[in-house]
Structure formats: structure tokens, C-alpha cells
Protein backbone atom coordinates (compact mmCIF):
# COMPACT_ATOMS: atom_id res chain seq x y z
CA MET A 1 -14.09 -7.13 5.92
CA VAL A 2 -10.58 -6.02 5.26
CA ALA A 3 -10.56 -3.71 8.26
CA THR A 4 -12.07 -6.41 10.59
CA THR A 5 -9.56 -8.95 9.44
CA THR A 6 -6.57 -6.48 9.75
CA THR A 7 -7.77 -5.67 13.37
CA LEU A 8 -7.86 -9.26 14.19
CA PHE A 9 -4.35 -9.79 12.87
CA VAL A 10 -2.94 -6.68 14.60
CA MET A 11 -4.47 -7.93 17.94
CA THR A 12 -2.47 -11.09 17.74
CA LYS A 13 0.82 -9.15 17.83
CA ASP A 14 1.05 -9.43 21.65
CA TYR A 15 0.35 -13.07 21.78
CA PRO A 16 3.07 -15.14 20.21
CA ASP A 17 1.36 -18.52 20.21
CA ILE A 18 -1.70 -17.14 18.57
CA GLN A 19 0.50 -15.23 16.14
CA ARG A 20 2.48 -18.30 15.23
CA GLU A 21 -0.52 -20.52 14.80
CA ILE A 22 -2.82 -17.99 12.98
CA THR A 23 -1.11 -14.91 11.65
CA SER A 24 1.98 -16.63 10.30
CA THR A 25 -0.11 -19.03 8.26
CA GLN A 26 -3.08 -16.94 7.26
CA LEU A 27 -1.67 -13.42 6.73
CA PRO A 28 0.09 -14.27 3.46
CA LYS A 29 -3.12 -15.99 2.19
CA PHE A 30 -5.05 -12.83 3.19
CA LEU A 31 -2.65 -10.48 1.49
CA THR A 32 -2.77 -12.66 -1.65
CA VAL A 33 -6.58 -12.63 -1.78
CA THR A 34 -6.72 -8.93 -0.91
CA LEU A 35 -4.16 -8.06 -3.67
CA ASN A 36 -5.89 -10.16 -6.15
CA ILE A 37 -9.10 -8.33 -5.55
CA MET A 38 -7.32 -5.05 -5.72
CA GLU A 39 -5.90 -5.88 -9.24
CA LYS A 40 -9.39 -6.60 -10.52
CA THR A 41 -11.23 -3.68 -8.89
CA GLU A 42 -11.04 -0.26 -10.65
CA ASP A 43 -12.33 1.73 -7.71
CA GLN A 44 -10.12 1.46 -4.74
CA THR A 45 -11.00 2.63 -1.28
CA PRO A 46 -8.64 4.50 1.02
CA SER A 47 -9.33 2.09 3.91
CA VAL A 48 -7.83 -0.89 2.03
CA PHE A 49 -4.55 0.94 1.58
CA HIS A 50 -4.64 2.16 5.24
CA ASN A 51 -5.21 -1.47 6.54
CA LEU A 52 -2.30 -2.72 4.29
CA SER A 53 -0.17 -0.04 5.89
CA LYS A 54 -1.01 -1.25 9.35
CA LEU A 55 -0.14 -4.80 8.41
CA PHE A 56 3.22 -3.89 6.71
CA LEU A 57 4.15 -1.97 9.82
CA THR A 58 2.98 -4.58 12.26
CA PHE A 59 4.33 -7.70 10.61
CA PRO A 60 7.38 -6.83 8.55
CA GLY A 61 8.62 -10.49 8.17
CA ALA A 62 5.20 -11.90 7.20
CA THR A 63 4.33 -9.29 4.83
CA ARG A 64 7.73 -9.12 2.86
CA SER A 65 6.58 -11.68 0.19
CA ALA A 66 3.54 -9.43 -0.74
CA SER A 67 5.50 -6.05 -0.88
CA ASP A 68 6.11 -6.23 -4.57
CA ARG A 69 2.56 -6.95 -5.51
CA ALA A 70 1.41 -4.19 -3.10
CA VAL A 71 3.87 -1.69 -4.64
CA LYS A 72 2.49 -2.62 -8.04
CA ALA A 73 -1.14 -2.13 -6.98
CA SER A 74 -0.36 1.13 -5.32
CA PHE A 75 1.42 2.66 -8.48
CA THR A 76 -1.39 1.28 -10.69
CA CYS A 77 -3.98 2.98 -8.48
CA LEU A 78 -1.90 6.26 -8.40
CA ASN A 79 -1.68 6.20 -12.22
CA ARG A 80 -5.42 5.88 -12.60
CA MET A 81 -7.24 9.14 -13.10
CA PRO A 82 -9.01 10.81 -11.61
CA ALA A 83 -7.56 9.89 -8.25
CA ARG A 84 -9.22 11.46 -5.06
CA PRO A 85 -6.93 13.19 -2.59
CA GLU A 86 -7.70 10.63 0.15
CA ILE A 87 -6.77 7.93 -2.22
CA ILE A 88 -3.47 9.62 -3.03
CA GLU A 89 -2.77 10.00 0.67
CA ALA A 90 -3.78 6.40 1.54
CA VAL A 91 -1.72 4.87 -1.30
CA SER A 92 1.35 7.21 -0.36
CA THR A 93 1.05 5.94 3.23
CA CYS A 94 0.97 2.40 2.16
CA LEU A 95 4.03 2.84 0.00
CA LEU A 96 5.93 4.53 2.89
CA ALA A 97 4.83 1.57 5.12
CA ILE A 98 6.34 -0.84 2.56
CA HIS A 99 9.35 1.07 2.28
CA SER A 100 9.84 1.14 6.00
CA ASN A 101 9.32 -2.62 6.07
CA GLU A 102 12.17 -2.88 3.49
CA ASP A 103 14.40 -0.80 5.75
CA LYS A 104 13.77 -2.94 8.72
CA ALA A 105 14.68 -6.09 6.71
CA GLY A 106 17.96 -4.28 5.95
CA SER A 107 17.67 -4.08 2.17
CA ARG A 108 18.45 -0.40 1.52
CA GLY A 109 19.67 -1.11 -2.01
CA SER A 110 16.32 -0.54 -3.57
CA GLN A 111 15.77 2.78 -1.87
CA ALA A 112 16.86 4.92 -4.83
CA ASP A 113 14.53 2.84 -7.22
CA PHE A 114 11.65 3.27 -4.86
CA VAL A 115 12.03 7.01 -4.54
CA ASP A 116 12.34 7.37 -8.36
CA LYS A 117 9.04 5.27 -8.91
CA PHE A 118 7.19 7.25 -6.19
CA CYS A 119 8.30 10.56 -7.61
CA GLY A 120 7.59 9.55 -11.22
CA SER A 121 4.02 8.43 -10.09
CA MET A 122 3.48 11.73 -8.29
CA HIS A 123 4.76 13.75 -11.25
CA ALA A 124 2.37 11.73 -13.55
CA VAL A 125 -0.63 12.48 -11.14
CA LEU A 126 0.33 16.26 -11.03
CA ASP A 127 0.94 16.40 -14.81
CA ARG A 128 -2.70 15.05 -15.33
CA ILE A 129 -4.27 17.47 -12.82
CA PHE A 130 -2.48 20.44 -14.28
CA SER A 131 -3.32 19.36 -17.80
CA CYS A 132 -7.11 19.73 -16.94
CA VAL A 133 -6.68 23.32 -15.73
CA GLU A 134 -6.82 26.07 -18.49
CA GLU A 135 -4.12 28.65 -18.40
CA GLY A 136 -5.27 31.95 -16.74
CA GLU A 137 -8.25 30.21 -15.12
CA PRO A 138 -8.41 30.74 -11.45
CA LEU A 139 -7.81 27.76 -9.23
């Protein structure tokens, strides 16, 4: 459902009238509902994060209000273990899309904070992975 709705929103990009009538009003509601579901669900699928990435890159202005909640959901997902590699890749892609969205908006002040949070989450993931491996055991 998220993929289909995302595709419909992205298809409106080339049609300003449709975008103004549908996307600008419904996209924030869609993001709110999607993020609410993500916060309540333990098992995230990579496709949700890939679709969020598409929306953040395609509609930087309309998605700006949801970026903080999307970052929070992304970091929460990264901090859950065990994280599958495809989830880590999808979440990273989503975080980079959000960061790219912020760069387009001209707010570079939070760039250092973003990089610190991202690196901290990746360090936590790697620490958990390495803590499961016995020393001297072949990888």
C-alpha cells in the first residue's frame, strides 16, 4: 500500500494542478499515518524506508514537516537488534534523503548534529554485531 501510494504521489510531480490539489494536501497526512504505523510496529520492511526516501527527494517542501519524525523512526529502527543488512541500507538511504532535503531547504546548521547521530547509531549497530562474535572465531 505504501509503495502504491508513493508511486501515485511521485507521478503527480509533472502535473502542477494535480500536485497542488492532491499531493500538497494529502502527502502530509499520508506521512503522518505512515510514521504512526512505523512507531507502533517492531518489524520494519526496507520498502517503507525506500518509499519514504523517494518522497523526501521528490517533494522536499511538502515533506519537511515530517522529517524529524522520520529521523526518529529511522534511528529507532537502527537501534533495534538484530537489524538485517537490507534494513540498515534502506534506513541509511532514508536518512540521507532527509539530509539532502534539509540541504535543499538551506538549513546546513544541523549537518554536524545529523552526522553525529548517524555515526553514533552505526557505531551502536557495529558494537552489537561485534559483541555477538567470539574472539578467535572465524567470521
